């Protein structure tokens, strides 16, 4: 029995999003169909999983499907599924809000460029609202699987500031979304246009997508399936084209950009499973806000039954940019999140996901350096986390990292550690680096003047994560990594060492005077073998925490171990010589005074 409609206001922020969707986000407007089909597919996936433990949920309608019907006379387009459906509370929660508490962040991310902003559709929980790009009114009718026919819910909105909600009779479970199309959107009432869009965007969907059968341009009784209705990852690689893989990626990741690379593997043996893993071209939108411990993007299936988003269980956090599908033949279908975390077979699949991803990145670095440079710009800092998190693969990860250096042009991070080692001078036994707040600060650091003067290449680490990461790396390729801001630099030869000792002896009065003035604020004052152009610098002992790391920890509110810096001076610098001369003159005047 129908009830009186209840009118409810959208949250204020949702109203802003709806206005933007309706009036600004017009590029690629046909994408609304992909988003609504993806929602319907998710609903079918959820019901298929729920029915494993309660077969009564599907009743006598076990064939899950998606049907799309265009009514030219009424100017409506309806996308309906017989999936899990929603209760009234779920409608309010899922449809009455956009991305829940993330709506403000969505709004803040908008640039004002409609072509760019439209790419956010589907990436922040606004896929349903893309319907308002082509419709001036949307009606949703839904009934939860297992609920009575009288527990149906109708939601309707004109895309303004409010929506209506009422209880209705719904004879069938599932969800039906009806778009009342705008005057200039008649193309989406054409079955051939719909067929073309389904083939382009949703051909891979693992449930039948059906359109009414047509004769002489008019619908007849019955439906026909227009997609492959088979999970793409189950098909042989020889059957698939790059376009197939890219189309599946875009729907899976809700991304307008192509994937940068992918790997598709079927493992047979004591454990059988399929992996289809993608590296995005650009950081997925949700990666900006999603925490390290709340990750999605890798979907777990068991014998083609969707189980859960399993990125946290199947990928370490430093590979959280990966998107894809894992389909296992061996995991129990009733697997829960807790069992999944402790399951031995899951550990094997996780190891395989890591190995295949690193294999893919290594191949990209070797065969397609331009694409790999694109990857490094997008995800290089995320990958650096693996140096600390994944000791077993530390050497492989380090091989993939790229850094700016004194031998690279501009700020392009195109230098690998192998590149560095290949250019090392005869007798050089360390990889030198310096950390700073930015590339420009690292490049202009006085701490590397002496090394540069000797022709020694120095890695310029200007990202916030670098100091933390390098502390876990220690060495690479048998070469120790040394911080140019710590300890004493090794003299090149005996003559260099003799020159430094002579300079220190000549500057002894100045060194003693500075040490006396600074007192216990410094551990030592000494002549520098680092400086060639600057008058002085602050350095630390070999095992002290770097100043850059101390600053980062203080900013984060952490305690920092006490350590005293070392003041190094360049006695050849005019400023230092002038200072020494003035002190000597002042001392002579005091000696001569009566």
Protein backbone atom coordinates (compact mmCIF):
# COMPACT_ATOMS: atom_id res chain seq x y z
CA UNK A 1 0.00 0.00 0.00
CA UNK A 2 1.30 3.41 -0.98
CA UNK A 3 1.82 6.01 1.72
CA UNK A 4 1.84 9.78 1.54
CA UNK A 5 5.17 11.00 0.11
CA UNK A 6 7.55 12.51 2.62
CA UNK A 7 9.57 15.48 1.39
CA UNK A 8 13.11 15.72 2.70
CA UNK A 9 15.83 18.29 2.05
CA UNK A 10 19.23 17.31 0.79
CA UNK A 11 22.18 18.28 2.93
CA UNK A 12 23.35 21.76 1.94
CA UNK A 13 26.56 20.42 0.43
CA UNK A 14 24.68 17.79 -1.58
CA UNK A 15 22.58 20.56 -3.10
CA UNK A 16 25.78 22.26 -4.27
CA UNK A 17 27.00 19.04 -5.86
CA UNK A 18 23.66 18.48 -7.59
CA UNK A 19 23.76 22.02 -8.96
CA UNK A 20 27.26 21.47 -10.31
CA UNK A 21 26.35 18.11 -11.81
CA UNK A 22 23.25 19.53 -13.45
CA UNK A 23 24.76 22.74 -14.77
CA UNK A 24 28.50 22.22 -15.17
CA UNK A 25 29.57 18.61 -15.61
CA UNK A 26 28.59 18.03 -19.23
CA UNK A 27 31.72 16.50 -20.76
CA UNK A 28 31.33 12.79 -21.58
CA UNK A 29 27.71 12.96 -20.50
CA UNK A 30 27.00 9.43 -21.78
CA UNK A 31 29.06 8.11 -18.85
CA UNK A 32 25.92 8.25 -16.71
CA UNK A 33 24.84 4.92 -18.24
CA UNK A 34 28.09 3.22 -17.23
CA UNK A 35 27.69 4.48 -13.67
CA UNK A 36 24.11 3.29 -13.30
CA UNK A 37 24.95 -0.09 -14.82
CA UNK A 38 27.92 -0.41 -12.44
CA UNK A 39 25.61 0.29 -9.50
CA UNK A 40 23.18 -2.36 -10.76
CA UNK A 41 26.03 -4.85 -11.20
CA UNK A 42 27.19 -4.20 -7.64
CA UNK A 43 23.66 -4.85 -6.37
CA UNK A 44 23.58 -8.19 -8.21
CA UNK A 45 27.01 -9.10 -6.88
CA UNK A 46 25.88 -8.41 -3.32
CA UNK A 47 22.77 -10.54 -3.69
CA UNK A 48 24.74 -13.42 -5.20
CA UNK A 49 27.07 -13.39 -2.20
CA UNK A 50 24.24 -13.05 0.35
CA UNK A 51 22.38 -15.96 -1.30
CA UNK A 52 25.27 -18.30 -0.51
CA UNK A 53 24.13 -18.35 3.10
CA UNK A 54 20.40 -17.74 2.45
CA UNK A 55 19.15 -19.19 -0.83
CA UNK A 56 15.62 -17.93 -0.11
CA UNK A 57 16.76 -14.39 -0.98
CA UNK A 58 16.64 -15.19 -4.70
CA UNK A 59 13.43 -17.22 -4.43
CA UNK A 60 12.12 -18.34 -7.81
CA UNK A 61 14.03 -15.57 -9.64
CA UNK A 62 17.62 -16.82 -9.43
CA UNK A 63 18.85 -15.41 -12.76
CA UNK A 64 20.45 -12.07 -11.89
CA UNK A 65 20.22 -9.50 -14.69
CA UNK A 66 20.12 -5.84 -15.67
CA UNK A 67 17.44 -4.54 -18.02
CA UNK A 68 17.35 -1.19 -19.80
CA UNK A 69 14.13 0.11 -21.32
CA UNK A 70 13.64 3.33 -23.29
CA UNK A 71 10.13 4.75 -23.62
CA UNK A 72 10.11 7.35 -26.41
CA UNK A 73 6.55 8.43 -25.74
CA UNK A 74 7.14 9.09 -22.03
CA UNK A 75 10.74 10.27 -22.71
CA UNK A 76 12.06 8.00 -19.96
CA UNK A 77 15.01 5.65 -19.69
CA UNK A 78 14.83 2.95 -17.02
CA UNK A 79 17.73 0.88 -15.70
CA UNK A 80 16.54 -1.92 -13.44
CA UNK A 81 18.15 -4.87 -11.71
CA UNK A 82 16.95 -7.76 -9.58
CA UNK A 83 19.83 -7.48 -7.14
CA UNK A 84 19.98 -6.89 -3.39
CA UNK A 85 17.76 -3.78 -3.30
CA UNK A 86 17.58 -1.27 -0.45
CA UNK A 87 15.55 -0.55 2.63
CA UNK A 88 14.17 2.90 3.39
CA UNK A 89 17.10 3.63 5.72
CA UNK A 90 19.60 2.53 3.08
CA UNK A 91 17.97 4.77 0.50
CA UNK A 92 18.32 7.77 2.81
CA UNK A 93 21.91 6.87 3.61
CA UNK A 94 23.09 5.98 0.09
CA UNK A 95 20.98 8.25 -2.09
CA UNK A 96 20.18 11.14 0.27
CA UNK A 97 23.86 11.89 0.77
CA UNK A 98 26.87 11.95 -1.51
CA UNK A 99 29.97 10.16 -0.29
CA UNK A 100 28.61 10.84 3.20
CA UNK A 101 31.11 12.96 5.14
CA UNK A 102 33.29 13.28 2.08
CA UNK A 103 30.98 15.70 0.27
CA UNK A 104 32.88 18.79 1.39
CA UNK A 105 36.15 17.29 0.21
CA UNK A 106 34.55 16.54 -3.13
CA UNK A 107 33.48 20.17 -3.46
CA UNK A 108 36.91 21.41 -2.45
CA UNK A 109 38.48 19.30 -5.17
CA UNK A 110 36.48 20.92 -7.95
CA UNK A 111 38.62 23.15 -10.14
CA UNK A 112 35.97 25.10 -12.00
CA UNK A 113 37.00 23.50 -15.30
CA UNK A 114 33.95 21.48 -16.34
CA UNK A 115 36.00 19.12 -18.53
CA UNK A 116 38.26 18.26 -15.61
CA UNK A 117 35.56 18.30 -12.98
CA UNK A 118 33.41 15.80 -14.83
CA UNK A 119 36.18 13.25 -14.33
CA UNK A 120 35.28 13.21 -10.65
CA UNK A 121 31.95 11.58 -11.40
CA UNK A 122 32.06 8.01 -10.20
CA UNK A 123 35.25 8.58 -8.24
CA UNK A 124 33.72 9.97 -5.09
CA UNK A 125 30.38 8.28 -4.69
CA UNK A 126 28.53 10.58 -7.09
CA UNK A 127 27.92 8.01 -9.84
CA UNK A 128 24.18 7.90 -9.21
CA UNK A 129 23.94 11.67 -9.49
CA UNK A 130 25.46 11.64 -12.96
CA UNK A 131 21.90 10.80 -14.05
CA UNK A 132 21.05 14.49 -13.61
CA UNK A 133 23.39 15.38 -16.46
CA UNK A 134 20.75 14.09 -18.90
CA UNK A 135 17.61 14.00 -16.75
CA UNK A 136 15.60 16.75 -15.11
CA UNK A 137 13.88 14.26 -12.80
CA UNK A 138 14.93 10.85 -11.48
CA UNK A 139 12.67 8.25 -9.88
CA UNK A 140 14.06 5.29 -7.97
CA UNK A 141 11.95 2.35 -6.79
CA UNK A 142 13.59 -0.36 -4.72
CA UNK A 143 12.80 -3.34 -2.51
CA UNK A 144 15.27 -5.23 -0.38
CA UNK A 145 15.72 -8.93 -1.16
CA UNK A 146 13.80 -10.97 1.41
CA UNK A 147 11.44 -8.10 2.27
CA UNK A 148 7.70 -8.15 1.70
CA UNK A 149 6.18 -6.60 -1.43
CA UNK A 150 4.72 -3.80 0.69
CA UNK A 151 8.18 -2.74 1.86
CA UNK A 152 9.09 -1.04 -1.37
CA UNK A 153 10.47 2.52 -1.38
CA UNK A 154 10.12 5.24 -4.00
CA UNK A 155 12.68 8.07 -4.09
CA UNK A 156 12.25 10.99 -6.47
CA UNK A 157 14.05 14.28 -7.06
CA UNK A 158 14.29 16.99 -9.65
CA UNK A 159 17.93 17.58 -8.80
CA UNK A 160 17.19 20.70 -6.78
CA UNK A 161 17.26 21.06 -3.01
CA UNK A 162 14.94 18.26 -1.95
CA UNK A 163 13.60 14.80 -2.67
CA UNK A 164 10.47 12.84 -1.83
CA UNK A 165 10.36 9.47 -0.15
CA UNK A 166 7.37 7.16 0.18
CA UNK A 167 6.51 3.54 0.83
CA UNK A 168 5.11 1.67 -2.18
CA UNK A 169 4.16 -1.83 -3.23
CA UNK A 170 7.05 -3.41 -5.16
CA UNK A 171 6.20 -6.88 -6.48
CA UNK A 172 9.82 -7.64 -7.42
CA UNK A 173 13.02 -7.24 -5.47
CA UNK A 174 15.84 -5.03 -6.73
CA UNK A 175 16.11 -1.44 -7.90
CA UNK A 176 14.66 0.48 -10.81
CA UNK A 177 16.05 3.91 -11.75
CA UNK A 178 13.93 5.92 -14.19
CA UNK A 179 15.41 8.99 -15.85
CA UNK A 180 12.96 11.59 -17.17
CA UNK A 181 15.19 12.93 -19.94
CA UNK A 182 15.72 16.56 -20.81
CA UNK A 183 14.39 17.85 -24.13
CA UNK A 184 17.76 17.74 -25.89
CA UNK A 185 18.74 14.23 -24.74
CA UNK A 186 16.58 12.17 -27.11
CA UNK A 187 19.62 10.24 -28.40
CA UNK A 188 19.49 8.14 -25.23
CA UNK A 189 16.06 6.83 -26.24
CA UNK A 190 17.57 5.12 -29.27
CA UNK A 191 18.21 1.40 -28.74
CA UNK A 192 21.17 1.41 -31.12
CA UNK A 193 22.78 4.24 -29.16
CA UNK A 194 22.21 2.37 -25.91
CA UNK A 195 23.64 -0.81 -27.41
CA UNK A 196 26.76 1.06 -28.55
CA UNK A 197 27.30 2.62 -25.11
CA UNK A 198 26.84 -0.72 -23.34
CA UNK A 199 29.36 -2.35 -25.65
CA UNK A 200 31.83 0.48 -25.14
CA UNK A 201 31.59 0.89 -21.37
CA UNK A 202 29.98 -2.19 -19.83
CA UNK A 203 30.62 -5.15 -22.11
CA UNK A 204 32.63 -6.88 -19.38
CA UNK A 205 29.89 -6.77 -16.71
CA UNK A 206 29.44 -10.31 -15.40
CA UNK A 207 25.62 -10.17 -15.53
CA UNK A 208 23.42 -10.09 -18.61
CA UNK A 209 22.55 -6.56 -19.72
CA UNK A 210 19.36 -6.76 -21.70
CA UNK A 211 17.56 -4.50 -24.14
CA UNK A 212 14.07 -5.09 -25.58
CA UNK A 213 14.06 -7.04 -28.83
CA UNK A 214 13.34 -4.78 -31.80
CA UNK A 215 11.49 -5.27 -35.08
CA UNK A 216 11.16 -2.48 -37.63
CA UNK A 217 12.52 -0.05 -35.05
CA UNK A 218 9.87 -0.96 -32.50
CA UNK A 219 10.19 -3.06 -29.31
CA UNK A 220 8.65 -6.52 -29.34
CA UNK A 221 8.07 -9.07 -26.63
CA UNK A 222 11.12 -10.26 -24.78
CA UNK A 223 14.69 -9.09 -24.19
CA UNK A 224 18.06 -9.85 -25.70
CA UNK A 225 21.47 -9.79 -23.99
CA UNK A 226 23.82 -7.24 -25.56
CA UNK A 227 27.01 -7.73 -23.51
CA UNK A 228 29.36 -10.71 -23.20
CA UNK A 229 27.94 -11.33 -19.70
CA UNK A 230 31.18 -13.06 -18.69
CA UNK A 231 33.83 -11.86 -16.28
CA UNK A 232 36.59 -10.44 -18.47
CA UNK A 233 39.37 -11.84 -16.30
CA UNK A 234 38.12 -15.39 -16.93
CA UNK A 235 38.63 -15.08 -20.67
CA UNK A 236 41.88 -16.10 -22.35
CA UNK A 237 44.37 -13.29 -22.94
CA UNK A 238 44.48 -14.25 -26.62
CA UNK A 239 40.79 -13.30 -26.89
CA UNK A 240 41.24 -9.85 -25.38
CA UNK A 241 42.43 -6.62 -26.96
CA UNK A 242 43.99 -3.58 -25.31
CA UNK A 243 40.62 -1.88 -25.74
CA UNK A 244 38.96 -4.69 -23.76
CA UNK A 245 41.43 -4.31 -20.91
CA UNK A 246 41.17 -0.52 -20.89
CA UNK A 247 37.38 -0.60 -20.96
CA UNK A 248 37.29 -2.98 -18.01
CA UNK A 249 39.77 -0.83 -16.08
CA UNK A 250 37.77 2.35 -16.58
CA UNK A 251 34.61 0.74 -15.26
CA UNK A 252 36.40 -1.02 -12.42
CA UNK A 253 38.31 2.06 -11.24
CA UNK A 254 35.70 4.67 -12.29
CA UNK A 255 38.49 6.42 -14.17
CA UNK A 256 38.33 8.40 -17.41
CA UNK A 257 42.05 7.95 -18.03
CA UNK A 258 43.55 4.81 -19.47
CA UNK A 259 45.52 2.45 -17.26
CA UNK A 260 49.26 2.89 -17.56
CA UNK A 261 49.97 -0.86 -17.55
CA UNK A 262 48.43 -4.14 -16.45
CA UNK A 263 49.24 -7.79 -15.84
CA UNK A 264 46.83 -10.70 -16.34
CA UNK A 265 47.84 -14.11 -14.99
CA UNK A 266 46.24 -17.46 -14.31
CA UNK A 267 47.99 -19.58 -11.67
CA UNK A 268 47.36 -23.34 -11.68
CA UNK A 269 48.64 -25.92 -9.22
CA UNK A 270 48.15 -26.58 -5.53
CA UNK A 271 46.27 -23.29 -5.50
CA UNK A 272 44.43 -21.85 -8.49
CA UNK A 273 43.58 -18.20 -8.94
CA UNK A 274 43.50 -15.41 -11.51
CA UNK A 275 45.07 -11.97 -11.12
CA UNK A 276 44.24 -8.93 -13.21
CA UNK A 277 46.16 -5.97 -11.81
CA UNK A 278 46.32 -2.41 -13.16
CA UNK A 279 48.64 0.52 -12.51
CA UNK A 280 46.68 3.77 -13.08
CA UNK A 281 47.99 6.58 -15.24
CA UNK A 282 47.23 9.14 -12.54
CA UNK A 283 46.52 8.88 -8.82
CA UNK A 284 42.91 7.70 -8.34
CA UNK A 285 40.81 10.46 -6.84
CA UNK A 286 40.00 8.53 -3.69
CA UNK A 287 43.72 7.99 -3.02
CA UNK A 288 43.95 11.67 -2.07
CA UNK A 289 41.69 11.19 0.93
CA UNK A 290 41.71 7.48 1.65
CA UNK A 291 43.94 6.55 4.55
CA UNK A 292 46.60 3.87 4.47
CA UNK A 293 44.39 1.61 6.60
CA UNK A 294 41.18 2.18 4.65
CA UNK A 295 41.84 1.10 1.11
CA UNK A 296 39.80 -0.12 -1.81
CA UNK A 297 40.60 -0.93 -5.38
CA UNK A 298 41.38 -4.65 -5.43
CA UNK A 299 38.25 -6.78 -5.54
CA UNK A 300 38.27 -10.37 -4.29
CA UNK A 301 36.10 -12.93 -6.08
CA UNK A 302 35.78 -16.61 -5.27
CA UNK A 303 34.71 -18.65 -8.30
CA UNK A 304 33.35 -15.46 -9.90
CA UNK A 305 31.34 -14.54 -6.77
CA UNK A 306 32.24 -11.09 -5.46
CA UNK A 307 33.30 -11.30 -1.81
CA UNK A 308 34.76 -7.97 -0.78
CA UNK A 309 37.11 -5.10 -1.49
CA UNK A 310 40.30 -6.75 -0.26
CA UNK A 311 43.09 -4.24 -0.87
CA UNK A 312 44.05 -4.26 2.80
CA UNK A 313 44.38 -8.06 2.86
CA UNK A 314 45.95 -8.65 -0.55
CA UNK A 315 48.22 -5.64 -1.05
CA UNK A 316 50.66 -3.85 1.25
CA UNK A 317 49.88 -0.18 1.71
CA UNK A 318 52.81 0.96 -0.45
CA UNK A 319 51.01 -0.64 -3.44
CA UNK A 320 47.63 0.92 -2.61
CA UNK A 321 47.48 2.58 -6.02
CA UNK A 322 46.95 -0.81 -7.72
CA UNK A 323 43.48 -1.57 -9.05
CA UNK A 324 42.20 -4.93 -10.18
CA UNK A 325 40.60 -8.28 -9.50
CA UNK A 326 41.68 -11.46 -7.73
CA UNK A 327 39.53 -14.54 -8.38
CA UNK A 328 40.36 -17.66 -6.35
CA UNK A 329 39.12 -21.20 -6.88
CA UNK A 330 40.27 -22.44 -3.48
CA UNK A 331 39.21 -20.00 -0.77
CA UNK A 332 36.03 -21.00 1.11
CA UNK A 333 32.98 -19.12 -0.10
CA UNK A 334 31.92 -18.29 3.44
CA UNK A 335 35.22 -16.52 4.08
CA UNK A 336 34.93 -13.57 6.44
CA UNK A 337 37.23 -10.60 6.85
CA UNK A 338 38.75 -12.11 10.01
CA UNK A 339 39.34 -15.51 8.40
CA UNK A 340 40.72 -13.78 5.32
CA UNK A 341 43.41 -12.03 7.32
CA UNK A 342 44.67 -15.30 8.84
CA UNK A 343 44.20 -17.60 5.88
CA UNK A 344 47.39 -19.29 4.57
CA UNK A 345 46.09 -19.28 0.99
CA UNK A 346 45.48 -15.53 1.21
CA UNK A 347 49.10 -15.03 2.25
CA UNK A 348 50.19 -16.86 -0.90
CA UNK A 349 47.92 -14.76 -3.10
CA UNK A 350 49.18 -11.58 -1.41
CA UNK A 351 52.78 -12.57 -2.13
CA UNK A 352 51.81 -13.24 -5.75
CA UNK A 353 50.11 -9.83 -6.05
CA UNK A 354 53.25 -8.10 -4.78
CA UNK A 355 55.53 -10.11 -7.06
CA UNK A 356 53.40 -9.53 -10.17
CA UNK A 357 53.14 -5.81 -9.46
CA UNK A 358 56.89 -5.42 -9.01
CA UNK A 359 57.46 -7.55 -12.13
CA UNK A 360 55.17 -5.22 -14.04
CA UNK A 361 56.95 -2.10 -12.80
CA UNK A 362 60.37 -3.56 -13.62
CA UNK A 363 59.22 -4.39 -17.13
CA UNK A 364 57.82 -0.89 -17.51
CA UNK A 365 61.12 0.63 -16.34
CA UNK A 366 63.09 -1.49 -18.80
CA UNK A 367 60.88 -1.38 -21.89
CA UNK A 368 58.90 1.86 -21.60
CA UNK A 369 60.95 4.45 -19.69
CA UNK A 370 58.61 7.30 -20.62
CA UNK A 371 55.65 5.51 -19.07
CA UNK A 372 57.74 4.57 -16.06
CA UNK A 373 58.69 8.22 -15.58
CA UNK A 374 54.96 8.98 -15.60
CA UNK A 375 54.45 6.31 -12.93
CA UNK A 376 57.29 7.72 -10.81
CA UNK A 377 55.82 11.22 -10.93
CA UNK A 378 52.43 9.89 -9.84
CA UNK A 379 53.33 7.19 -7.32
CA UNK A 380 57.06 7.34 -6.62
CA UNK A 381 56.61 8.65 -3.07
CA UNK A 382 54.06 5.95 -2.26
CA UNK A 383 56.43 3.27 -3.51
CA UNK A 384 59.16 4.61 -1.21
CA UNK A 385 57.09 3.46 1.77
CA UNK A 386 57.92 -0.09 0.74
CA UNK A 387 61.56 0.40 1.72
CA UNK A 388 60.45 0.46 5.36
CA UNK A 389 57.47 -1.88 5.08
CA UNK A 390 58.71 -4.73 2.90
CA UNK A 391 62.17 -5.89 3.90
CA UNK A 392 61.92 -9.01 1.73
CA UNK A 393 61.56 -6.87 -1.42
CA UNK A 394 63.63 -3.89 -0.31
CA UNK A 395 66.31 -4.34 -2.99
CA UNK A 396 63.70 -4.70 -5.77
CA UNK A 397 61.83 -1.61 -4.60
CA UNK A 398 65.03 0.41 -4.27
CA UNK A 399 65.92 -0.51 -7.85
CA UNK A 400 62.66 1.10 -8.99
CA UNK A 401 63.11 4.39 -7.13
CA UNK A 402 64.17 7.51 -8.99
CA UNK A 403 65.86 10.59 -7.53
CA UNK A 404 67.07 13.97 -8.61
CA UNK A 405 70.83 14.32 -8.43
CA UNK A 406 73.63 16.76 -9.19
CA UNK A 407 74.02 14.85 -12.47
CA UNK A 408 70.37 15.23 -13.54
CA UNK A 409 68.93 18.17 -15.43
CA UNK A 410 66.44 20.42 -13.69
CA UNK A 411 64.32 18.61 -11.14
CA UNK A 412 63.50 15.54 -13.24
CA UNK A 413 63.73 12.46 -11.04
CA UNK A 414 65.36 10.24 -13.64
CA UNK A 415 68.38 8.91 -11.72
CA UNK A 416 68.24 5.36 -10.41
CA UNK A 417 70.60 3.96 -7.81
CA UNK A 418 72.02 1.70 -10.53
CA UNK A 419 72.66 4.78 -12.68
CA UNK A 420 74.50 6.36 -9.77
CA UNK A 421 76.67 3.31 -9.08
CA UNK A 422 77.53 3.05 -12.78
CA UNK A 423 78.93 6.61 -12.68
CA UNK A 424 80.83 6.35 -9.39
CA UNK A 425 84.44 7.49 -9.41
CA UNK A 426 87.30 5.03 -9.00
CA UNK A 427 87.74 4.32 -5.31
CA UNK A 428 84.36 5.80 -4.31
CA UNK A 429 82.69 3.39 -1.90
CA UNK A 430 79.52 5.29 -0.89
CA UNK A 431 76.36 6.68 -2.44
CA UNK A 432 76.16 10.29 -1.26
CA UNK A 433 72.89 12.11 -0.67
CA UNK A 434 71.53 15.22 0.99
CA UNK A 435 68.00 15.81 2.32
CA UNK A 436 66.10 19.09 2.43
CA UNK A 437 62.61 20.56 2.41
CA UNK A 438 62.57 20.81 -1.38
CA UNK A 439 64.57 20.03 -4.49
CA UNK A 440 65.73 23.63 -4.75
CA UNK A 441 66.97 23.63 -1.14
CA UNK A 442 68.81 20.35 -1.66
CA UNK A 443 70.36 21.53 -4.92
CA UNK A 444 71.69 24.74 -3.36
CA UNK A 445 72.79 23.17 -0.06
CA UNK A 446 76.28 24.26 1.03
CA UNK A 447 76.77 20.77 2.49
CA UNK A 448 77.51 19.32 -0.96
CA UNK A 449 79.87 22.01 -2.26
CA UNK A 450 83.01 19.99 -1.53
CA UNK A 451 81.60 16.81 -3.09
CA UNK A 452 80.52 18.67 -6.22
CA UNK A 453 83.93 20.31 -6.48
CA UNK A 454 85.50 16.84 -6.50
CA UNK A 455 83.06 15.65 -9.18
CA UNK A 456 81.20 13.32 -6.81
CA UNK A 457 77.53 12.89 -7.69
CA UNK A 458 75.05 13.59 -4.89
CA UNK A 459 71.41 12.49 -4.72
CA UNK A 460 69.11 15.44 -3.97
CA UNK A 461 66.28 14.22 -1.73
CA UNK A 462 63.67 16.95 -1.43
CA UNK A 463 60.50 14.98 -0.61
CA UNK A 464 59.22 14.80 2.96
CA UNK A 465 59.31 11.01 2.97
CA UNK A 466 62.93 10.74 1.85
CA UNK A 467 64.63 11.20 5.21
CA UNK A 468 62.44 8.54 6.79
CA UNK A 469 62.81 6.17 3.84
CA UNK A 470 66.59 6.47 3.55
CA UNK A 471 66.96 5.52 7.21
CA UNK A 472 65.68 2.03 6.34
CA UNK A 473 67.67 1.59 3.14
CA UNK A 474 71.17 1.85 4.54
CA UNK A 475 72.92 0.39 1.52
CA UNK A 476 72.24 -0.68 -2.03
CA UNK A 477 74.26 -2.85 -4.39
CA UNK A 478 76.92 -3.31 -1.75
CA UNK A 479 77.39 0.47 -1.43
CA UNK A 480 76.63 2.30 1.79
CA UNK A 481 74.39 5.36 1.56
CA UNK A 482 75.98 8.35 3.29
CA UNK A 483 74.40 11.64 4.29
CA UNK A 484 76.51 14.63 3.22
CA UNK A 485 75.31 16.42 6.38
CA UNK A 486 76.77 13.88 8.80
CA UNK A 487 80.26 13.02 9.99
CA UNK A 488 83.44 14.01 8.19
CA UNK A 489 83.96 13.60 4.47
CA UNK A 490 86.76 11.28 3.49
CA UNK A 491 89.80 13.12 2.14
CA UNK A 492 90.55 12.23 -1.45
CA UNK A 493 94.26 11.60 -0.85
CA UNK A 494 97.16 12.36 1.47
CA UNK A 495 97.73 15.80 -0.02
CA UNK A 496 94.11 16.77 0.60
CA UNK A 497 94.32 15.58 4.19
CA UNK A 498 97.56 17.51 4.73
CA UNK A 499 96.00 20.69 3.31
CA UNK A 500 93.02 20.37 5.67
CA UNK A 501 95.22 19.83 8.73
CA UNK A 502 97.30 22.90 7.82
CA UNK A 503 94.15 25.02 7.39
CA UNK A 504 92.86 23.82 10.76
CA UNK A 505 96.14 24.76 12.47
CA UNK A 506 96.10 28.23 10.96
CA UNK A 507 92.49 28.76 11.97
CA UNK A 508 92.94 27.43 15.49
CA UNK A 509 92.62 30.83 17.23
CA UNK A 510 89.33 31.48 15.40
CA UNK A 511 88.06 27.97 16.12
CA UNK A 512 88.84 28.32 19.81
CA UNK A 513 87.19 31.74 19.98
CA UNK A 514 83.99 30.46 18.31
CA UNK A 515 83.93 27.39 20.54
CA UNK A 516 84.25 29.55 23.63
CA UNK A 517 81.45 31.86 22.48
CA UNK A 518 79.04 29.05 21.60
CA UNK A 519 79.83 26.92 24.61
CA UNK A 520 77.68 23.81 25.01
CA UNK A 521 75.36 24.79 22.19
CA UNK A 522 77.70 22.96 19.79
CA UNK A 523 79.62 19.72 20.06
CA UNK A 524 82.59 21.07 18.12
CA UNK A 525 83.83 23.87 15.89
CA UNK A 526 86.11 22.74 13.07
CA UNK A 527 87.42 23.53 9.62
CA UNK A 528 85.15 22.15 6.91
CA UNK A 529 86.08 19.91 4.03
CA UNK A 530 82.53 20.34 2.68
CA UNK A 531 82.58 24.04 1.90
CA UNK A 532 84.08 25.73 -1.13
CA UNK A 533 81.78 28.73 -1.59
CA UNK A 534 79.86 29.26 1.68
CA UNK A 535 81.37 30.61 4.91
CA UNK A 536 79.92 28.01 7.31
CA UNK A 537 77.45 25.19 7.82
CA UNK A 538 75.92 23.05 10.54
CA UNK A 539 76.49 19.28 10.45
CA UNK A 540 75.86 16.35 12.77
CA UNK A 541 77.69 13.34 14.05
CA UNK A 542 77.60 10.20 11.96
CA UNK A 543 74.86 8.58 14.07
CA UNK A 544 72.83 11.65 15.03
CA UNK A 545 69.31 12.21 13.70
CA UNK A 546 69.36 14.50 10.68
CA UNK A 547 68.20 18.08 11.23
CA UNK A 548 65.55 17.68 8.52
CA UNK A 549 64.10 14.62 10.30
CA UNK A 550 64.23 16.44 13.65
CA UNK A 551 62.20 19.27 12.16
CA UNK A 552 59.60 16.89 10.71
CA UNK A 553 59.20 15.09 14.02
CA UNK A 554 58.80 18.33 15.95
CA UNK A 555 56.15 19.48 13.47
CA UNK A 556 54.31 16.20 14.12
CA UNK A 557 54.48 16.76 17.89
CA UNK A 558 57.06 14.06 18.67
CA UNK A 559 59.97 14.25 21.08
CA UNK A 560 63.39 14.54 19.45
CA UNK A 561 66.56 13.03 20.98
CA UNK A 562 69.08 15.59 22.23
CA UNK A 563 72.10 16.05 19.99
CA UNK A 564 74.53 18.90 19.58
CA UNK A 565 75.38 20.11 16.09
CA UNK A 566 78.87 20.74 14.78
CA UNK A 567 79.79 24.14 13.33
CA UNK A 568 82.08 23.95 10.31
CA UNK A 569 83.75 27.02 8.85
CA UNK A 570 85.50 27.74 5.59
CA UNK A 571 88.67 29.68 6.50
CA UNK A 572 89.22 30.64 2.86
CA UNK A 573 85.95 32.54 2.67
CA UNK A 574 86.35 36.37 2.75
CA UNK A 575 83.69 36.74 5.44
CA UNK A 576 85.48 34.29 7.76
CA UNK A 577 88.84 35.91 7.04
CA UNK A 578 87.37 39.34 7.80
CA UNK A 579 85.90 38.06 11.05
CA UNK A 580 89.22 36.50 12.08
CA UNK A 581 91.08 39.66 11.16
CA UNK A 582 88.76 41.89 13.16
CA UNK A 583 89.11 39.68 16.25
CA UNK A 584 92.89 39.63 15.93
CA UNK A 585 92.91 43.42 15.60
CA UNK A 586 90.59 43.81 18.58
CA UNK A 587 92.85 41.54 20.63
CA UNK A 588 95.94 43.56 19.66
CA UNK A 589 94.25 46.81 20.67
CA UNK A 590 93.40 45.38 24.08
CA UNK A 591 97.01 44.20 24.52
CA UNK A 592 98.35 47.66 23.68
CA UNK A 593 95.93 49.60 25.89
CA UNK A 594 97.55 51.12 29.11
